[in-house]
């Protein structure tokens, strides 16, 4: 199974933003949402790694600052990214004429 076959199975269909400014803007927002989620989850990962390192050794004040800062910044990025991401996915489903299950 090639990479394209795996990618085709795992990535949901999204309308192509040809000349439609709404679809182009939605695609741009979707890319920003994906970036925000990657950075947010990455910050959480850093917080977890530093926390575990601190728990194994001894917590230094700098480690506590890094953990708290990464959790706060990651949460600040993730909260709007997740909510806006759901909105973009719902708009894509509505464009395809799919029901939201209600």
Protein backbone atom coordinates (compact mmCIF):
# COMPACT_ATOMS: atom_id res chain seq x y z
CA UNK A 1 0.00 0.00 0.00
CA UNK A 2 1.60 3.25 -1.11
CA UNK A 3 1.64 6.58 0.68
CA UNK A 4 -1.11 8.01 -1.51
CA UNK A 5 -3.43 5.10 -0.68
CA UNK A 6 -2.87 5.59 3.04
CA UNK A 7 -3.33 9.34 2.74
CA UNK A 8 -6.52 8.89 0.74
CA UNK A 9 -7.93 6.67 3.46
CA UNK A 10 -7.09 8.94 6.37
CA UNK A 11 -7.73 12.48 5.08
CA UNK A 12 -11.37 13.55 4.77
CA UNK A 13 -12.53 15.10 1.54
CA UNK A 14 -12.44 18.89 1.56
CA UNK A 15 -13.83 21.06 -1.23
CA UNK A 16 -11.11 22.59 -3.36
CA UNK A 17 -10.81 26.39 -2.98
CA UNK A 18 -10.84 27.15 -6.70
CA UNK A 19 -12.10 30.67 -7.34
CA UNK A 20 -14.54 30.77 -4.45
CA UNK A 21 -13.30 33.32 -1.89
CA UNK A 22 -15.24 31.60 0.91
CA UNK A 23 -13.55 28.25 0.24
CA UNK A 24 -10.17 29.94 -0.10
CA UNK A 25 -10.61 31.70 3.24
CA UNK A 26 -11.83 28.48 4.87
CA UNK A 27 -8.75 26.64 3.57
CA UNK A 28 -6.50 29.38 4.95
CA UNK A 29 -8.24 29.21 8.33
CA UNK A 30 -7.98 25.41 8.29
CA UNK A 31 -4.22 25.62 7.75
CA UNK A 32 -3.90 28.07 10.66
CA UNK A 33 -6.05 25.82 12.85
CA UNK A 34 -3.85 22.81 12.00
CA UNK A 35 -0.73 24.82 12.84
CA UNK A 36 -2.25 26.03 16.11
CA UNK A 37 -3.14 22.47 17.10
CA UNK A 38 0.33 21.16 16.25
CA UNK A 39 2.06 23.91 18.22
CA UNK A 40 -0.40 23.63 21.12
CA UNK A 41 -0.03 19.87 21.45
CA UNK A 42 3.74 20.27 21.02
CA UNK A 43 3.82 22.67 23.95
CA UNK A 44 1.84 20.19 26.05
CA UNK A 45 4.34 17.49 25.09
CA UNK A 46 7.22 19.71 26.23
CA UNK A 47 5.39 20.35 29.51
CA UNK A 48 4.91 16.60 30.06
CA UNK A 49 8.55 15.78 29.28
CA UNK A 50 9.85 18.53 31.57
CA UNK A 51 7.42 17.48 34.31
CA UNK A 52 8.55 13.86 34.14
CA UNK A 53 12.19 14.96 34.14
CA UNK A 54 11.48 17.10 37.19
CA UNK A 55 9.65 14.28 38.94
CA UNK A 56 12.52 11.87 38.33
CA UNK A 57 15.19 14.31 39.46
CA UNK A 58 14.19 17.31 41.52
CA UNK A 59 12.00 20.18 40.46
CA UNK A 60 14.00 23.31 39.92
CA UNK A 61 12.21 26.66 39.69
CA UNK A 62 13.06 26.93 35.98
CA UNK A 63 11.41 23.55 35.30
CA UNK A 64 8.24 24.61 37.08
CA UNK A 65 8.19 27.82 35.04
CA UNK A 66 8.62 25.89 31.78
CA UNK A 67 5.85 23.42 32.68
CA UNK A 68 3.39 26.14 33.67
CA UNK A 69 4.30 28.35 30.69
CA UNK A 70 3.97 25.51 28.18
CA UNK A 71 0.64 24.37 29.63
CA UNK A 72 -0.74 27.91 29.60
CA UNK A 73 0.50 28.75 26.09
CA UNK A 74 -0.56 25.34 24.72
CA UNK A 75 -4.04 25.73 26.20
CA UNK A 76 -4.34 29.26 24.86
CA UNK A 77 -3.54 27.97 21.36
CA UNK A 78 -5.54 24.75 21.55
CA UNK A 79 -8.84 26.10 22.85
CA UNK A 80 -9.65 28.36 19.87
CA UNK A 81 -7.97 26.01 17.38
CA UNK A 82 -10.15 23.07 18.39
CA UNK A 83 -13.38 25.10 18.40
CA UNK A 84 -12.64 26.79 15.06
CA UNK A 85 -11.54 23.45 13.62
CA UNK A 86 -14.93 21.95 14.45
CA UNK A 87 -16.57 24.92 12.72
CA UNK A 88 -14.49 24.45 9.57
CA UNK A 89 -15.29 20.71 9.50
CA UNK A 90 -19.00 21.43 9.97
CA UNK A 91 -18.94 23.94 7.12
CA UNK A 92 -17.20 21.39 4.88
CA UNK A 93 -19.86 18.79 5.76
CA UNK A 94 -22.62 21.28 5.05
CA UNK A 95 -21.09 22.09 1.66
CA UNK A 96 -21.06 18.39 0.81
CA UNK A 97 -24.70 18.12 1.88
CA UNK A 98 -24.03 15.72 4.73
CA UNK A 99 -26.15 15.71 7.86
CA UNK A 100 -24.61 16.52 11.24
CA UNK A 101 -26.50 13.66 12.85
CA UNK A 102 -29.30 15.71 14.45
